[in-house]
């Protein structure tokens, strides 16, 4: 799955407070490189770690990535 496909599917499944932007996904990839092989974004492998990462961020950190 592409990054854009992952973004669309994750945001379709997630509540509003846990939706992400492409900037947030890019930062997630930089912070968690061991989860990635190539350019694939497998939803079944990455969604749970993404949710854990998102919930560990402060509201300010999330807002700064979306501004």
C-alpha atoms as a PDB file:
ATOM      1  CA  UNK A   1       0.000   0.000   0.000  1.00  0.00           C
ATOM      2  CA  UNK A   2       1.224   3.493  -0.747  1.00  0.00           C
ATOM      3  CA  UNK A   3       1.610   6.207   1.873  1.00  0.00           C
ATOM      4  CA  UNK A   4      -1.429   8.003   0.437  1.00  0.00           C
ATOM      5  CA  UNK A   5      -3.476   4.793   0.518  1.00  0.00           C
ATOM      6  CA  UNK A   6      -2.454   4.198   4.133  1.00  0.00           C
ATOM      7  CA  UNK A   7      -3.403   7.782   5.013  1.00  0.00           C
ATOM      8  CA  UNK A   8      -6.857   7.420   3.463  1.00  0.00           C
ATOM      9  CA  UNK A   9      -7.579   4.032   5.042  1.00  0.00           C
ATOM     10  CA  UNK A  10      -6.292   4.995   8.491  1.00  0.00           C
ATOM     11  CA  UNK A  11      -8.283   8.237   8.522  1.00  0.00           C
ATOM     12  CA  UNK A  12     -11.408   6.389   7.361  1.00  0.00           C
ATOM     13  CA  UNK A  13     -11.113   4.033  10.349  1.00  0.00           C
ATOM     14  CA  UNK A  14      -9.870   6.510  12.980  1.00  0.00           C
ATOM     15  CA  UNK A  15     -11.836   8.903  15.158  1.00  0.00           C
ATOM     16  CA  UNK A  16     -11.241  12.579  14.413  1.00  0.00           C
ATOM     17  CA  UNK A  17      -8.748  13.029  17.261  1.00  0.00           C
ATOM     18  CA  UNK A  18      -6.497  10.250  15.875  1.00  0.00           C
ATOM     19  CA  UNK A  19      -6.541  11.188  12.202  1.00  0.00           C
ATOM     20  CA  UNK A  20      -3.208  12.018  10.586  1.00  0.00           C
ATOM     21  CA  UNK A  21      -1.685  14.157   7.846  1.00  0.00           C
ATOM     22  CA  UNK A  22       1.110  13.331   5.426  1.00  0.00           C
ATOM     23  CA  UNK A  23       3.458  15.411   7.605  1.00  0.00           C
ATOM     24  CA  UNK A  24       2.602  13.263  10.612  1.00  0.00           C
ATOM     25  CA  UNK A  25       3.174  10.069   8.631  1.00  0.00           C
ATOM     26  CA  UNK A  26       6.550  11.361   7.456  1.00  0.00           C
ATOM     27  CA  UNK A  27       7.596  12.106  11.031  1.00  0.00           C
ATOM     28  CA  UNK A  28       6.346   8.683  12.168  1.00  0.00           C
ATOM     29  CA  UNK A  29       8.507   7.042   9.507  1.00  0.00           C
ATOM     30  CA  UNK A  30      11.581   9.039  10.595  1.00  0.00           C
ATOM     31  CA  UNK A  31      11.018   8.154  14.253  1.00  0.00           C
ATOM     32  CA  UNK A  32      10.230   4.461  13.642  1.00  0.00           C
ATOM     33  CA  UNK A  33      12.462   3.373  10.722  1.00  0.00           C
ATOM     34  CA  UNK A  34      12.697  -0.251  11.888  1.00  0.00           C
ATOM     35  CA  UNK A  35       9.006  -0.735  11.028  1.00  0.00           C
ATOM     36  CA  UNK A  36       9.555  -0.001   7.347  1.00  0.00           C
ATOM     37  CA  UNK A  37      10.925  -2.037   4.474  1.00  0.00           C
ATOM     38  CA  UNK A  38      11.047  -0.134   1.214  1.00  0.00           C
ATOM     39  CA  UNK A  39       8.202   2.232   0.428  1.00  0.00           C
ATOM     40  CA  UNK A  40       5.382  -0.053   1.533  1.00  0.00           C
ATOM     41  CA  UNK A  41       2.862   1.068   4.154  1.00  0.00           C
ATOM     42  CA  UNK A  42       1.061  -2.159   5.174  1.00  0.00           C
ATOM     43  CA  UNK A  43      -1.962  -1.109   7.198  1.00  0.00           C
ATOM     44  CA  UNK A  44      -2.090  -4.352   9.190  1.00  0.00           C
ATOM     45  CA  UNK A  45       1.536  -3.911  10.335  1.00  0.00           C
ATOM     46  CA  UNK A  46       1.749  -0.151  10.865  1.00  0.00           C
ATOM     47  CA  UNK A  47      -1.622   0.979  12.147  1.00  0.00           C
ATOM     48  CA  UNK A  48      -1.227  -0.203  15.745  1.00  0.00           C
ATOM     49  CA  UNK A  49       2.297   1.283  16.159  1.00  0.00           C
ATOM     50  CA  UNK A  50       1.025   4.513  14.582  1.00  0.00           C
ATOM     51  CA  UNK A  51      -1.849   4.712  17.067  1.00  0.00           C
ATOM     52  CA  UNK A  52       0.513   4.099  19.995  1.00  0.00           C
ATOM     53  CA  UNK A  53       2.871   6.766  18.670  1.00  0.00           C
ATOM     54  CA  UNK A  54       0.018   9.241  18.149  1.00  0.00           C
ATOM     55  CA  UNK A  55      -1.299   8.798  21.664  1.00  0.00           C
ATOM     56  CA  UNK A  56       2.179   9.406  23.074  1.00  0.00           C
ATOM     57  CA  UNK A  57       2.346  12.860  21.463  1.00  0.00           C
ATOM     58  CA  UNK A  58       1.200  15.950  23.277  1.00  0.00           C
ATOM     59  CA  UNK A  59      -1.625  18.012  21.824  1.00  0.00           C
ATOM     60  CA  UNK A  60       0.926  20.724  21.016  1.00  0.00           C
ATOM     61  CA  UNK A  61       3.126  18.301  19.080  1.00  0.00           C
ATOM     62  CA  UNK A  62       0.157  17.128  17.029  1.00  0.00           C
ATOM     63  CA  UNK A  63      -0.943  20.685  16.322  1.00  0.00           C
ATOM     64  CA  UNK A  64       2.553  21.776  15.285  1.00  0.00           C
ATOM     65  CA  UNK A  65       2.671  19.002  12.670  1.00  0.00           C
ATOM     66  CA  UNK A  66      -0.660  20.110  11.236  1.00  0.00           C
ATOM     67  CA  UNK A  67       0.030  23.821  11.006  1.00  0.00           C
END
